Amino acid sequence: KRPRRVMRWLVPSFLAVSFIPDILIGVTTGTSDGW
């Protein structure tokens, strides 16, 4: 019904979720190279 409104929260949510594996890489390696 309100696609613009849906996209305003969905797009940032997808981006935030896409960061999770990257953050886990940084945390599990624990080195500056991993980050």
PDB file of all heavy atoms in Angstrom:
ATOM      1  N   LYS A   1       0.828  -1.202   0.000  1.00  0.00           N
ATOM      2  CA  LYS A   1       0.000   0.000   0.000  1.00  0.00           C
ATOM      3  C   LYS A   1       0.865   1.255   0.000  1.00  0.00           C
ATOM      4  O   LYS A   1       0.535   2.244  -0.636  1.00  0.00           O
ATOM      5  CB  LYS A   1      -0.909   0.031   1.229  1.00  0.00           C
ATOM      6  CG  LYS A   1      -2.068  -0.906   1.152  1.00  0.00           C
ATOM      7  CD  LYS A   1      -2.950  -0.743   2.367  1.00  0.00           C
ATOM      8  CE  LYS A   1      -4.107  -1.713   2.305  1.00  0.00           C
ATOM      9  NZ  LYS A   1      -4.976  -1.610   3.478  1.00  0.00           N
ATOM     10  N   ARG A   2       1.949   1.199   0.758  1.00  0.00           N
ATOM     11  CA  ARG A   2       2.869   2.333   0.853  1.00  0.00           C
ATOM     12  C   ARG A   2       4.289   1.857   0.556  1.00  0.00           C
ATOM     13  O   ARG A   2       5.113   1.738   1.457  1.00  0.00           O
ATOM     14  CB  ARG A   2       2.799   2.943   2.247  1.00  0.00           C
ATOM     15  CG  ARG A   2       1.457   3.526   2.575  1.00  0.00           C
ATOM     16  CD  ARG A   2       1.500   4.189   3.943  1.00  0.00           C
ATOM     17  NE  ARG A   2       0.162   4.492   4.376  1.00  0.00           N
ATOM     18  CZ  ARG A   2      -0.433   3.918   5.405  1.00  0.00           C
ATOM     19  NH1 ARG A   2       0.195   3.033   6.127  1.00  0.00           N
ATOM     20  NH2 ARG A   2      -1.648   4.253   5.735  1.00  0.00           N
ATOM     21  N   PRO A   3       4.598   1.595  -0.701  1.00  0.00           N
ATOM     22  CA  PRO A   3       5.912   1.027  -1.016  1.00  0.00           C
ATOM     23  C   PRO A   3       7.089   1.902  -0.606  1.00  0.00           C
ATOM     24  O   PRO A   3       8.127   1.388  -0.198  1.00  0.00           O
ATOM     25  CB  PRO A   3       5.871   0.831  -2.531  1.00  0.00           C
ATOM     26  CG  PRO A   3       4.713   1.597  -3.017  1.00  0.00           C
ATOM     27  CD  PRO A   3       3.773   1.787  -1.892  1.00  0.00           C
ATOM     28  N   ARG A   4       6.940   3.212  -0.685  1.00  0.00           N
ATOM     29  CA  ARG A   4       8.046   4.083  -0.261  1.00  0.00           C
ATOM     30  C   ARG A   4       8.335   3.909   1.217  1.00  0.00           C
ATOM     31  O   ARG A   4       9.488   3.860   1.627  1.00  0.00           O
ATOM     32  CB  ARG A   4       7.712   5.538  -0.540  1.00  0.00           C
ATOM     33  CG  ARG A   4       7.695   5.875  -1.992  1.00  0.00           C
ATOM     34  CD  ARG A   4       7.380   7.330  -2.171  1.00  0.00           C
ATOM     35  NE  ARG A   4       7.065   7.592  -3.558  1.00  0.00           N
ATOM     36  CZ  ARG A   4       6.458   8.675  -3.970  1.00  0.00           C
ATOM     37  NH1 ARG A   4       6.113   9.608  -3.123  1.00  0.00           N
ATOM     38  NH2 ARG A   4       6.209   8.830  -5.253  1.00  0.00           N
ATOM     39  N   ARG A   5       7.286   3.832   1.982  1.00  0.00           N
ATOM     40  CA  ARG A   5       7.438   3.649   3.429  1.00  0.00           C
ATOM     41  C   ARG A   5       8.068   2.289   3.734  1.00  0.00           C
ATOM     42  O   ARG A   5       8.923   2.170   4.605  1.00  0.00           O
ATOM     43  CB  ARG A   5       6.077   3.775   4.097  1.00  0.00           C
ATOM     44  CG  ARG A   5       6.140   3.841   5.570  1.00  0.00           C
ATOM     45  CD  ARG A   5       4.774   4.150   6.122  1.00  0.00           C
ATOM     46  NE  ARG A   5       4.868   4.354   7.546  1.00  0.00           N
ATOM     47  CZ  ARG A   5       3.845   4.512   8.325  1.00  0.00           C
ATOM     48  NH1 ARG A   5       2.625   4.505   7.816  1.00  0.00           N
ATOM     49  NH2 ARG A   5       4.007   4.678   9.610  1.00  0.00           N
ATOM     50  N   VAL A   6       7.641   1.268   3.020  1.00  0.00           N
ATOM     51  CA  VAL A   6       8.215  -0.066   3.207  1.00  0.00           C
ATOM     52  C   VAL A   6       9.705  -0.035   2.897  1.00  0.00           C
ATOM     53  O   VAL A   6      10.526  -0.567   3.654  1.00  0.00           O
ATOM     54  CB  VAL A   6       7.491  -1.114   2.328  1.00  0.00           C
ATOM     55  CG1 VAL A   6       8.223  -2.438   2.340  1.00  0.00           C
ATOM     56  CG2 VAL A   6       6.048  -1.292   2.786  1.00  0.00           C
ATOM     57  N   MET A   7      10.072   0.603   1.805  1.00  0.00           N
ATOM     58  CA  MET A   7      11.483   0.643   1.410  1.00  0.00           C
ATOM     59  C   MET A   7      12.332   1.446   2.380  1.00  0.00           C
ATOM     60  O   MET A   7      13.514   1.155   2.553  1.00  0.00           O
ATOM     61  CB  MET A   7      11.637   1.213   0.007  1.00  0.00           C
ATOM     62  CG  MET A   7      11.154   0.289  -1.062  1.00  0.00           C
ATOM     63  SD  MET A   7      12.034  -1.284  -1.038  1.00  0.00           S
ATOM     64  CE  MET A   7      11.281  -2.075  -2.421  1.00  0.00           C
ATOM     65  N   ARG A   8      11.734   2.444   3.037  1.00  0.00           N
ATOM     66  CA  ARG A   8      12.496   3.249   3.996  1.00  0.00           C
ATOM     67  C   ARG A   8      13.003   2.429   5.172  1.00  0.00           C
ATOM     68  O   ARG A   8      14.003   2.778   5.774  1.00  0.00           O
ATOM     69  CB  ARG A   8      11.658   4.430   4.491  1.00  0.00           C
ATOM     70  CG  ARG A   8      11.774   5.646   3.613  1.00  0.00           C
ATOM     71  CD  ARG A   8      11.247   6.891   4.302  1.00  0.00           C
ATOM     72  NE  ARG A   8       9.841   6.828   4.611  1.00  0.00           N
ATOM     73  CZ  ARG A   8       8.875   7.277   3.825  1.00  0.00           C
ATOM     74  NH1 ARG A   8       9.176   7.821   2.669  1.00  0.00           N
ATOM     75  NH2 ARG A   8       7.617   7.197   4.183  1.00  0.00           N
ATOM     76  N   TRP A   9      12.311   1.368   5.541  1.00  0.00           N
ATOM     77  CA  TRP A   9      12.835   0.520   6.626  1.00  0.00           C
ATOM     78  C   TRP A   9      13.447  -0.769   6.089  1.00  0.00           C
ATOM     79  O   TRP A   9      14.370  -1.316   6.693  1.00  0.00           O
ATOM     80  CB  TRP A   9      11.772   0.209   7.687  1.00  0.00           C
ATOM     81  CG  TRP A   9      10.627  -0.633   7.216  1.00  0.00           C
ATOM     82  CD1 TRP A   9       9.412  -0.208   6.781  1.00  0.00           C
ATOM     83  CD2 TRP A   9      10.590  -2.063   7.123  1.00  0.00           C
ATOM     84  NE1 TRP A   9       8.638  -1.272   6.409  1.00  0.00           N
ATOM     85  CE2 TRP A   9       9.330  -2.433   6.616  1.00  0.00           C
ATOM     86  CE3 TRP A   9      11.503  -3.075   7.416  1.00  0.00           C
ATOM     87  CZ2 TRP A   9       8.964  -3.757   6.398  1.00  0.00           C
ATOM     88  CZ3 TRP A   9      11.127  -4.392   7.197  1.00  0.00           C
ATOM     89  CH2 TRP A   9       9.870  -4.706   6.698  1.00  0.00           C
ATOM     90  N   LEU A  10      12.978  -1.249   4.949  1.00  0.00           N
ATOM     91  CA  LEU A  10      13.472  -2.524   4.430  1.00  0.00           C
ATOM     92  C   LEU A  10      14.907  -2.428   3.902  1.00  0.00           C
ATOM     93  O   LEU A  10      15.739  -3.294   4.190  1.00  0.00           O
ATOM     94  CB  LEU A  10      12.535  -3.037   3.325  1.00  0.00           C
ATOM     95  CG  LEU A  10      12.817  -4.438   2.802  1.00  0.00           C
ATOM     96  CD1 LEU A  10      12.658  -5.467   3.912  1.00  0.00           C
ATOM     97  CD2 LEU A  10      11.880  -4.760   1.644  1.00  0.00           C
ATOM     98  N   VAL A  11      15.211  -1.397   3.170  1.00  0.00           N
ATOM     99  CA  VAL A  11      16.552  -1.259   2.588  1.00  0.00           C
ATOM    100  C   VAL A  11      17.620  -1.150   3.677  1.00  0.00           C
ATOM    101  O   VAL A  11      18.602  -1.902   3.650  1.00  0.00           O
ATOM    102  CB  VAL A  11      16.604  -0.079   1.591  1.00  0.00           C
ATOM    103  CG1 VAL A  11      18.032   0.208   1.176  1.00  0.00           C
ATOM    104  CG2 VAL A  11      15.740  -0.383   0.379  1.00  0.00           C
ATOM    105  N   PRO A  12      17.468  -0.259   4.665  1.00  0.00           N
ATOM    106  CA  PRO A  12      18.480  -0.222   5.728  1.00  0.00           C
ATOM    107  C   PRO A  12      18.551  -1.526   6.521  1.00  0.00           C
ATOM    108  O   PRO A  12      19.637  -1.924   6.968  1.00  0.00           O
ATOM    109  CB  PRO A  12      18.043   0.931   6.631  1.00  0.00           C
ATOM    110  CG  PRO A  12      17.129   1.755   5.808  1.00  0.00           C
ATOM    111  CD  PRO A  12      16.507   0.827   4.807  1.00  0.00           C
ATOM    112  N   SER A  13      17.422  -2.198   6.662  1.00  0.00           N
ATOM    113  CA  SER A  13      17.418  -3.482   7.376  1.00  0.00           C
ATOM    114  C   SER A  13      18.227  -4.521   6.612  1.00  0.00           C
ATOM    115  O   SER A  13      19.014  -5.267   7.206  1.00  0.00           O
ATOM    116  CB  SER A  13      15.989  -3.987   7.579  1.00  0.00           C
ATOM    117  OG  SER A  13      15.264  -3.085   8.373  1.00  0.00           O
ATOM    118  N   PHE A  14      18.034  -4.590   5.309  1.00  0.00           N
ATOM    119  CA  PHE A  14      18.810  -5.531   4.493  1.00  0.00           C
ATOM    120  C   PHE A  14      20.302  -5.210   4.581  1.00  0.00           C
ATOM    121  O   PHE A  14      21.131  -6.112   4.682  1.00  0.00           O
ATOM    122  CB  PHE A  14      18.360  -5.481   3.026  1.00  0.00           C
ATOM    123  CG  PHE A  14      17.362  -6.533   2.677  1.00  0.00           C
ATOM    124  CD1 PHE A  14      16.040  -6.401   3.021  1.00  0.00           C
ATOM    125  CD2 PHE A  14      17.763  -7.666   2.001  1.00  0.00           C
ATOM    126  CE1 PHE A  14      15.117  -7.373   2.696  1.00  0.00           C
ATOM    127  CE2 PHE A  14      16.849  -8.653   1.665  1.00  0.00           C
ATOM    128  CZ  PHE A  14      15.523  -8.503   2.019  1.00  0.00           C
ATOM    129  N   LEU A  15      20.633  -3.936   4.536  1.00  0.00           N
ATOM    130  CA  LEU A  15      22.032  -3.549   4.622  1.00  0.00           C
ATOM    131  C   LEU A  15      22.618  -3.953   5.970  1.00  0.00           C
ATOM    132  O   LEU A  15      23.714  -4.515   6.029  1.00  0.00           O
ATOM    133  CB  LEU A  15      22.196  -2.048   4.395  1.00  0.00           C
ATOM    134  CG  LEU A  15      23.625  -1.524   4.383  1.00  0.00           C
ATOM    135  CD1 LEU A  15      24.445  -2.183   3.284  1.00  0.00           C
ATOM    136  CD2 LEU A  15      23.632  -0.011   4.225  1.00  0.00           C
ATOM    137  N   ALA A  16      21.882  -3.696   7.037  1.00  0.00           N
ATOM    138  CA  ALA A  16      22.371  -4.064   8.374  1.00  0.00           C
ATOM    139  C   ALA A  16      22.559  -5.574   8.493  1.00  0.00           C
ATOM    140  O   ALA A  16      23.570  -6.040   9.039  1.00  0.00           O
ATOM    141  CB  ALA A  16      21.398  -3.557   9.438  1.00  0.00           C
ATOM    142  N   VAL A  17      21.626  -6.336   7.981  1.00  0.00           N
ATOM    143  CA  VAL A  17      21.742  -7.800   8.035  1.00  0.00           C
ATOM    144  C   VAL A  17      22.933  -8.277   7.203  1.00  0.00           C
ATOM    145  O   VAL A  17      23.626  -9.226   7.589  1.00  0.00           O
ATOM    146  CB  VAL A  17      20.420  -8.471   7.582  1.00  0.00           C
ATOM    147  CG1 VAL A  17      20.591  -9.953   7.360  1.00  0.00           C
ATOM    148  CG2 VAL A  17      19.324  -8.204   8.607  1.00  0.00           C
ATOM    149  N   SER A  18      23.207  -7.598   6.099  1.00  0.00           N
ATOM    150  CA  SER A  18      24.341  -8.004   5.263  1.00  0.00           C
ATOM    151  C   SER A  18      25.674  -7.772   5.974  1.00  0.00           C
ATOM    152  O   SER A  18      26.680  -8.390   5.616  1.00  0.00           O
ATOM    153  CB  SER A  18      24.324  -7.264   3.921  1.00  0.00           C
ATOM    154  OG  SER A  18      24.810  -5.945   4.042  1.00  0.00           O
ATOM    155  N   PHE A  19      25.689  -6.894   6.962  1.00  0.00           N
ATOM    156  CA  PHE A  19      26.914  -6.637   7.726  1.00  0.00           C
ATOM    157  C   PHE A  19      27.221  -7.734   8.747  1.00  0.00           C
ATOM    158  O   PHE A  19      28.361  -7.843   9.198  1.00  0.00           O
ATOM    159  CB  PHE A  19      26.827  -5.313   8.471  1.00  0.00           C
ATOM    160  CG  PHE A  19      26.947  -4.096   7.599  1.00  0.00           C
ATOM    161  CD1 PHE A  19      26.555  -2.861   8.077  1.00  0.00           C
ATOM    162  CD2 PHE A  19      27.462  -4.162   6.314  1.00  0.00           C
ATOM    163  CE1 PHE A  19      26.668  -1.722   7.303  1.00  0.00           C
ATOM    164  CE2 PHE A  19      27.575  -3.030   5.525  1.00  0.00           C
ATOM    165  CZ  PHE A  19      27.176  -1.802   6.018  1.00  0.00           C
ATOM    166  N   ILE A  20      26.240  -8.514   9.133  1.00  0.00           N
ATOM    167  CA  ILE A  20      26.437  -9.506  10.202  1.00  0.00           C
ATOM    168  C   ILE A  20      27.578 -10.472   9.890  1.00  0.00           C
ATOM    169  O   ILE A  20      28.473 -10.646  10.725  1.00  0.00           O
ATOM    170  CB  ILE A  20      25.116 -10.229  10.527  1.00  0.00           C
ATOM    171  CG1 ILE A  20      24.141  -9.248  11.172  1.00  0.00           C
ATOM    172  CG2 ILE A  20      25.370 -11.438  11.441  1.00  0.00           C
ATOM    173  CD1 ILE A  20      22.734  -9.784  11.359  1.00  0.00           C
ATOM    174  N   PRO A  21      27.618 -11.117   8.714  1.00  0.00           N
ATOM    175  CA  PRO A  21      28.744 -12.014   8.449  1.00  0.00           C
ATOM    176  C   PRO A  21      30.093 -11.295   8.446  1.00  0.00           C
ATOM    177  O   PRO A  21      31.095 -11.852   8.896  1.00  0.00           O
ATOM    178  CB  PRO A  21      28.448 -12.600   7.063  1.00  0.00           C
ATOM    179  CG  PRO A  21      27.004 -12.349   6.828  1.00  0.00           C
ATOM    180  CD  PRO A  21      26.640 -11.146   7.629  1.00  0.00           C
ATOM    181  N   ASP A  22      30.097 -10.053   7.980  1.00  0.00           N
ATOM    182  CA  ASP A  22      31.345  -9.289   7.941  1.00  0.00           C
ATOM    183  C   ASP A  22      31.841  -8.991   9.355  1.00  0.00           C
ATOM    184  O   ASP A  22      33.038  -9.112   9.650  1.00  0.00           O
ATOM    185  CB  ASP A  22      31.149  -7.989   7.166  1.00  0.00           C
ATOM    186  CG  ASP A  22      30.590  -8.223   5.775  1.00  0.00           C
ATOM    187  OD1 ASP A  22      30.835  -9.317   5.221  1.00  0.00           O
ATOM    188  OD2 ASP A  22      29.918  -7.332   5.247  1.00  0.00           O
ATOM    189  N   ILE A  23      30.935  -8.600  10.206  1.00  0.00           N
ATOM    190  CA  ILE A  23      31.301  -8.336  11.602  1.00  0.00           C
ATOM    191  C   ILE A  23      31.795  -9.612  12.266  1.00  0.00           C
ATOM    192  O   ILE A  23      32.780  -9.596  13.025  1.00  0.00           O
ATOM    193  CB  ILE A  23      30.107  -7.720  12.362  1.00  0.00           C
ATOM    194  CG1 ILE A  23      29.827  -6.314  11.811  1.00  0.00           C
ATOM    195  CG2 ILE A  23      30.372  -7.680  13.860  1.00  0.00           C
ATOM    196  CD1 ILE A  23      28.526  -5.706  12.272  1.00  0.00           C
ATOM    197  N   LEU A  24      31.147 -10.722  11.976  1.00  0.00           N
ATOM    198  CA  LEU A  24      31.591 -12.005  12.547  1.00  0.00           C
ATOM    199  C   LEU A  24      32.997 -12.353  12.069  1.00  0.00           C
ATOM    200  O   LEU A  24      33.790 -12.910  12.842  1.00  0.00           O
ATOM    201  CB  LEU A  24      30.611 -13.119  12.187  1.00  0.00           C
ATOM    202  CG  LEU A  24      29.253 -13.030  12.871  1.00  0.00           C
ATOM    203  CD1 LEU A  24      28.314 -14.118  12.349  1.00  0.00           C
ATOM    204  CD2 LEU A  24      29.396 -13.131  14.377  1.00  0.00           C
ATOM    205  N   ILE A  25      33.316 -12.014  10.835  1.00  0.00           N
ATOM    206  CA  ILE A  25      34.677 -12.243  10.330  1.00  0.00           C
ATOM    207  C   ILE A  25      35.672 -11.435  11.162  1.00  0.00           C
ATOM    208  O   ILE A  25      36.695 -11.944  11.602  1.00  0.00           O
ATOM    209  CB  ILE A  25      34.785 -11.882   8.832  1.00  0.00           C
ATOM    210  CG1 ILE A  25      34.072 -12.924   7.984  1.00  0.00           C
ATOM    211  CG2 ILE A  25      36.249 -11.738   8.412  1.00  0.00           C
ATOM    212  CD1 ILE A  25      33.915 -12.552   6.527  1.00  0.00           C
ATOM    213  N   GLY A  26      35.351 -10.169  11.374  1.00  0.00           N
ATOM    214  CA  GLY A  26      36.239  -9.324  12.162  1.00  0.00           C
ATOM    215  C   GLY A  26      36.393  -9.812  13.583  1.00  0.00           C
ATOM    216  O   GLY A  26      37.492  -9.831  14.140  1.00  0.00           O
ATOM    217  N   VAL A  27      35.278 -10.247  14.191  1.00  0.00           N
ATOM    218  CA  VAL A  27      35.316 -10.714  15.582  1.00  0.00           C
ATOM    219  C   VAL A  27      36.077 -12.029  15.702  1.00  0.00           C
ATOM    220  O   VAL A  27      36.909 -12.195  16.593  1.00  0.00           O
ATOM    221  CB  VAL A  27      33.880 -10.861  16.139  1.00  0.00           C
ATOM    222  CG1 VAL A  27      33.866 -11.593  17.463  1.00  0.00           C
ATOM    223  CG2 VAL A  27      33.226  -9.490  16.274  1.00  0.00           C
ATOM    224  N   THR A  28      35.804 -12.963  14.810  1.00  0.00           N
ATOM    225  CA  THR A  28      36.432 -14.283  14.944  1.00  0.00           C
ATOM    226  C   THR A  28      37.918 -14.258  14.620  1.00  0.00           C
ATOM    227  O   THR A  28      38.677 -15.020  15.220  1.00  0.00           O
ATOM    228  CB  THR A  28      35.742 -15.334  14.046  1.00  0.00           C
ATOM    229  OG1 THR A  28      35.758 -14.882  12.690  1.00  0.00           O
ATOM    230  CG2 THR A  28      34.310 -15.571  14.493  1.00  0.00           C
ATOM    231  N   THR A  29      38.333 -13.396  13.704  1.00  0.00           N
ATOM    232  CA  THR A  29      39.775 -13.322  13.434  1.00  0.00           C
ATOM    233  C   THR A  29      40.485 -12.544  14.525  1.00  0.00           C
ATOM    234  O   THR A  29      41.603 -12.886  14.891  1.00  0.00           O
ATOM    235  CB  THR A  29      40.075 -12.661  12.070  1.00  0.00           C
ATOM    236  OG1 THR A  29      39.529 -11.347  12.069  1.00  0.00           O
ATOM    237  CG2 THR A  29      39.522 -13.473  10.930  1.00  0.00           C
ATOM    238  N   GLY A  30      39.831 -11.518  15.028  1.00  0.00           N
ATOM    239  CA  GLY A  30      40.403 -10.736  16.120  1.00  0.00           C
ATOM    240  C   GLY A  30      41.661  -9.979  15.749  1.00  0.00           C
ATOM    241  O   GLY A  30      42.397  -9.533  16.621  1.00  0.00           O
ATOM    242  N   THR A  31      41.919  -9.822  14.471  1.00  0.00           N
ATOM    243  CA  THR A  31      43.118  -9.100  14.037  1.00  0.00           C
ATOM    244  C   THR A  31      42.710  -7.898  13.201  1.00  0.00           C
ATOM    245  O   THR A  31      41.588  -7.818  12.702  1.00  0.00           O
ATOM    246  CB  THR A  31      44.030 -10.006  13.181  1.00  0.00           C
ATOM    247  OG1 THR A  31      43.341 -10.344  11.976  1.00  0.00           O
ATOM    248  CG2 THR A  31      44.419 -11.271  13.931  1.00  0.00           C
ATOM    249  N   SER A  32      43.662  -6.991  13.019  1.00  0.00           N
ATOM    250  CA  SER A  32      43.378  -5.829  12.179  1.00  0.00           C
ATOM    251  C   SER A  32      43.189  -6.251  10.725  1.00  0.00           C
ATOM    252  O   SER A  32      42.425  -5.642   9.987  1.00  0.00           O
ATOM    253  CB  SER A  32      44.495  -4.794  12.296  1.00  0.00           C
ATOM    254  OG  SER A  32      45.728  -5.356  11.909  1.00  0.00           O
ATOM    255  N   ASP A  33      43.868  -7.345  10.311  1.00  0.00           N
ATOM    256  CA  ASP A  33      43.683  -7.840   8.943  1.00  0.00           C
ATOM    257  C   ASP A  33      42.263  -8.341   8.732  1.00  0.00           C
ATOM    258  O   ASP A  33      41.668  -8.128   7.668  1.00  0.00           O
ATOM    259  CB  ASP A  33      44.671  -8.976   8.642  1.00  0.00           C
ATOM    260  CG  ASP A  33      46.110  -8.482   8.544  1.00  0.00           C
ATOM    261  OD1 ASP A  33      46.299  -7.264   8.362  1.00  0.00           O
ATOM    262  OD2 ASP A  33      47.018  -9.312   8.658  1.00  0.00           O
ATOM    263  N   GLY A  34      41.717  -9.018   9.732  1.00  0.00           N
ATOM    264  CA  GLY A  34      40.342  -9.504   9.642  1.00  0.00           C
ATOM    265  C   GLY A  34      39.341  -8.363   9.560  1.00  0.00           C
ATOM    266  O   GLY A  34      38.379  -8.414   8.800  1.00  0.00           O
ATOM    267  N   TRP A  35      39.584  -7.309  10.343  1.00  0.00           N
ATOM    268  CA  TRP A  35      38.690  -6.157  10.310  1.00  0.00           C
ATOM    269  C   TRP A  35      38.843  -5.372   9.011  1.00  0.00           C
ATOM    270  O   TRP A  35      37.876  -4.806   8.501  1.00  0.00           O
ATOM    271  CB  TRP A  35      38.914  -5.261  11.521  1.00  0.00           C
ATOM    272  CG  TRP A  35      38.271  -5.822  12.746  1.00  0.00           C
ATOM    273  CD1 TRP A  35      38.886  -6.392  13.818  1.00  0.00           C
ATOM    274  CD2 TRP A  35      36.867  -5.910  13.005  1.00  0.00           C
ATOM    275  NE1 TRP A  35      37.950  -6.826  14.734  1.00  0.00           N
ATOM    276  CE2 TRP A  35      36.707  -6.534  14.263  1.00  0.00           C
ATOM    277  CE3 TRP A  35      35.722  -5.528  12.302  1.00  0.00           C
ATOM    278  CZ2 TRP A  35      35.454  -6.781  14.826  1.00  0.00           C
ATOM    279  CZ3 TRP A  35      34.477  -5.772  12.864  1.00  0.00           C
ATOM    280  CH2 TRP A  35      34.345  -6.384  14.105  1.00  0.00           C
TER     281      TRP A  35
END
